[in-house]
């Protein structure tokens, strides 16, 4: 099997790894680099549990080859917090009890961050649209939407 050397940036750090030509970015992140935050829910790009950012765009890392990260910027859930300081989205997910088992949570957080990176004041409809690629089997989506709305308000500086 062909092995490929990849040089990339992950969560702001220069990273080099070897992977097989058919190995997914999700498998590279989890099995080669020890970044266990992204989860495999379906392996077909339908659930969003493995969502990461690739060059600033949300992607299902189960559908991206590890070799495709060559020369690109990858952001995972592990890069969201700064040390012990959680990102406002992470804090609001906790405050709003917008999580249950945790399988889908990293994907929801990455999708919400991708939205707020391009639109700091989204409507509820826009939030629901951006999160539509993420499935949760444990909880309703209302708490997740409220957490994103609250985080957006805090990040804009107009939280109550």
Protein backbone atom coordinates (compact mmCIF):
# COMPACT_ATOMS: atom_id res chain seq x y z
CA UNK A 1 0.00 0.00 0.00
CA UNK A 2 1.30 3.46 -0.91
CA UNK A 3 2.42 5.66 1.99
CA UNK A 4 2.27 9.43 1.58
CA UNK A 5 4.19 12.06 3.55
CA UNK A 6 2.01 15.02 4.47
CA UNK A 7 3.01 18.43 5.83
CA UNK A 8 0.10 20.47 7.13
CA UNK A 9 -1.01 22.83 9.87
CA UNK A 10 -3.34 21.47 12.52
CA UNK A 11 -4.77 23.84 15.11
CA UNK A 12 -2.02 26.33 14.31
CA UNK A 13 0.84 23.84 14.67
CA UNK A 14 2.99 22.57 11.81
CA UNK A 15 2.49 18.80 11.62
CA UNK A 16 4.00 16.07 9.48
CA UNK A 17 2.67 12.55 9.21
CA UNK A 18 2.64 9.49 7.01
CA UNK A 19 -0.64 8.01 5.84
CA UNK A 20 -1.96 5.50 3.37
CA UNK A 21 -3.34 6.84 0.11
CA UNK A 22 -6.87 5.70 0.98
CA UNK A 23 -6.81 6.74 4.66
CA UNK A 24 -9.38 9.33 5.74
CA UNK A 25 -8.45 12.53 7.50
CA UNK A 26 -10.61 11.35 10.40
CA UNK A 27 -8.53 8.20 10.77
CA UNK A 28 -5.31 10.19 10.54
CA UNK A 29 -6.49 12.63 13.21
CA UNK A 30 -7.62 9.91 15.59
CA UNK A 31 -5.26 6.99 14.94
CA UNK A 32 -2.03 8.67 13.88
CA UNK A 33 -2.15 12.02 15.68
CA UNK A 34 -4.14 11.15 18.80
CA UNK A 35 -6.73 13.89 18.24
CA UNK A 36 -9.76 11.99 19.49
CA UNK A 37 -12.33 14.81 19.52
CA UNK A 38 -13.72 14.18 16.05
CA UNK A 39 -15.92 11.10 16.12
CA UNK A 40 -16.97 8.61 13.47
CA UNK A 41 -20.72 8.39 13.59
CA UNK A 42 -21.56 7.08 10.14
CA UNK A 43 -18.46 7.06 7.91
CA UNK A 44 -20.54 8.37 4.99
CA UNK A 45 -20.73 12.13 5.67
CA UNK A 46 -24.33 12.01 6.83
CA UNK A 47 -24.08 12.72 10.57
CA UNK A 48 -21.49 15.50 11.02
CA UNK A 49 -19.84 13.94 14.09
CA UNK A 50 -16.44 14.13 12.36
CA UNK A 51 -16.76 17.77 11.24
CA UNK A 52 -13.51 19.69 11.08
CA UNK A 53 -12.39 22.84 9.30
CA UNK A 54 -10.19 22.58 6.23
CA UNK A 55 -8.88 25.92 5.01
CA UNK A 56 -11.70 27.64 6.88
CA UNK A 57 -14.50 25.47 5.47
CA UNK A 58 -16.44 22.87 7.39
CA UNK A 59 -15.89 19.33 6.06
CA UNK A 60 -16.74 15.81 7.11
CA UNK A 61 -13.29 14.43 7.83
CA UNK A 62 -14.50 10.90 7.08
CA UNK A 63 -14.91 11.98 3.44
CA UNK A 64 -11.55 13.76 3.08
CA UNK A 65 -8.37 11.82 2.49
CA UNK A 66 -5.56 12.44 4.95
CA UNK A 67 -3.27 13.16 1.98
CA UNK A 68 -5.58 16.02 0.93
CA UNK A 69 -4.46 17.99 3.98
CA UNK A 70 -1.05 18.54 2.34
CA UNK A 71 -0.16 22.24 2.61
CA UNK A 72 -3.54 23.11 4.08
CA UNK A 73 -4.88 24.30 7.42
CA UNK A 74 -6.91 21.92 9.54
CA UNK A 75 -8.82 22.95 12.64
CA UNK A 76 -10.28 20.36 14.98
CA UNK A 77 -12.34 20.59 18.13
CA UNK A 78 -9.10 20.35 20.11
CA UNK A 79 -8.08 23.75 18.68
CA UNK A 80 -11.25 25.53 19.82
CA UNK A 81 -10.24 26.19 23.42
CA UNK A 82 -7.12 28.10 24.39
CA UNK A 83 -5.58 26.08 27.18
CA UNK A 84 -8.20 25.92 29.93
CA UNK A 85 -10.14 28.85 28.46
CA UNK A 86 -13.11 27.45 26.60
CA UNK A 87 -14.43 29.05 23.45
CA UNK A 88 -17.72 30.89 24.12
CA UNK A 89 -19.56 28.23 22.12
CA UNK A 90 -18.21 25.51 24.39
CA UNK A 91 -19.21 27.47 27.48
CA UNK A 92 -22.72 28.11 26.17
CA UNK A 93 -23.20 24.46 25.21
CA UNK A 94 -22.47 23.59 28.83
CA UNK A 95 -24.68 26.37 30.23
CA UNK A 96 -27.62 25.42 28.00
CA UNK A 97 -27.20 21.66 28.52
CA UNK A 98 -26.90 21.38 24.73
CA UNK A 99 -25.24 17.99 24.83
CA UNK A 100 -25.95 14.50 26.00
CA UNK A 101 -23.67 11.58 25.15
CA UNK A 102 -21.10 13.78 23.39
CA UNK A 103 -20.68 11.88 20.12
CA UNK A 104 -22.22 14.67 18.02
CA UNK A 105 -21.06 17.62 20.15
CA UNK A 106 -17.66 18.25 18.51
CA UNK A 107 -19.30 18.35 15.08
CA UNK A 108 -22.02 20.74 16.24
CA UNK A 109 -19.41 23.00 17.83
CA UNK A 110 -17.27 23.05 14.70
CA UNK A 111 -20.29 23.77 12.48
CA UNK A 112 -21.45 26.54 14.82
CA UNK A 113 -17.96 28.05 14.87
CA UNK A 114 -17.82 27.94 11.07
CA UNK A 115 -21.11 29.84 10.97
CA UNK A 116 -20.06 32.47 13.51
CA UNK A 117 -16.75 32.95 11.72
CA UNK A 118 -18.64 34.17 8.65
CA UNK A 119 -21.81 35.54 10.27
CA UNK A 120 -21.55 36.87 13.83
CA UNK A 121 -25.29 37.67 14.00
CA UNK A 122 -27.17 34.72 12.47
CA UNK A 123 -30.92 34.30 12.59
CA UNK A 124 -32.41 31.14 14.09
CA UNK A 125 -33.15 29.95 10.55
CA UNK A 126 -29.50 30.46 9.52
CA UNK A 127 -28.29 28.59 12.61
CA UNK A 128 -30.60 25.67 11.89
CA UNK A 129 -29.47 25.64 8.24
CA UNK A 130 -25.77 25.57 9.17
CA UNK A 131 -26.33 22.82 11.73
CA UNK A 132 -28.54 20.72 9.44
CA UNK A 133 -25.62 18.46 8.49
CA UNK A 134 -25.23 17.36 12.11
CA UNK A 135 -27.41 14.71 13.68
CA UNK A 136 -28.04 14.12 17.37
CA UNK A 137 -29.76 11.00 18.61
CA UNK A 138 -29.97 12.05 22.27
CA UNK A 139 -31.42 15.54 22.55
CA UNK A 140 -33.56 18.04 20.71
CA UNK A 141 -31.93 20.74 18.69
CA UNK A 142 -33.54 23.70 20.49
CA UNK A 143 -30.94 23.77 23.29
CA UNK A 144 -28.16 23.65 20.72
CA UNK A 145 -29.68 26.53 18.73
CA UNK A 146 -30.14 28.59 21.92
CA UNK A 147 -26.53 27.93 22.92
CA UNK A 148 -25.31 29.15 19.51
CA UNK A 149 -27.52 32.26 19.73
CA UNK A 150 -26.24 33.03 23.24
CA UNK A 151 -22.60 32.50 22.24
CA UNK A 152 -23.03 34.72 19.17
CA UNK A 153 -24.46 37.48 21.34
CA UNK A 154 -21.60 37.16 23.81
CA UNK A 155 -18.99 37.16 21.06
CA UNK A 156 -20.57 40.30 19.56
CA UNK A 157 -20.43 41.91 23.00
CA UNK A 158 -24.15 42.42 23.38
CA UNK A 159 -24.99 39.62 25.80
CA UNK A 160 -27.24 40.55 28.70
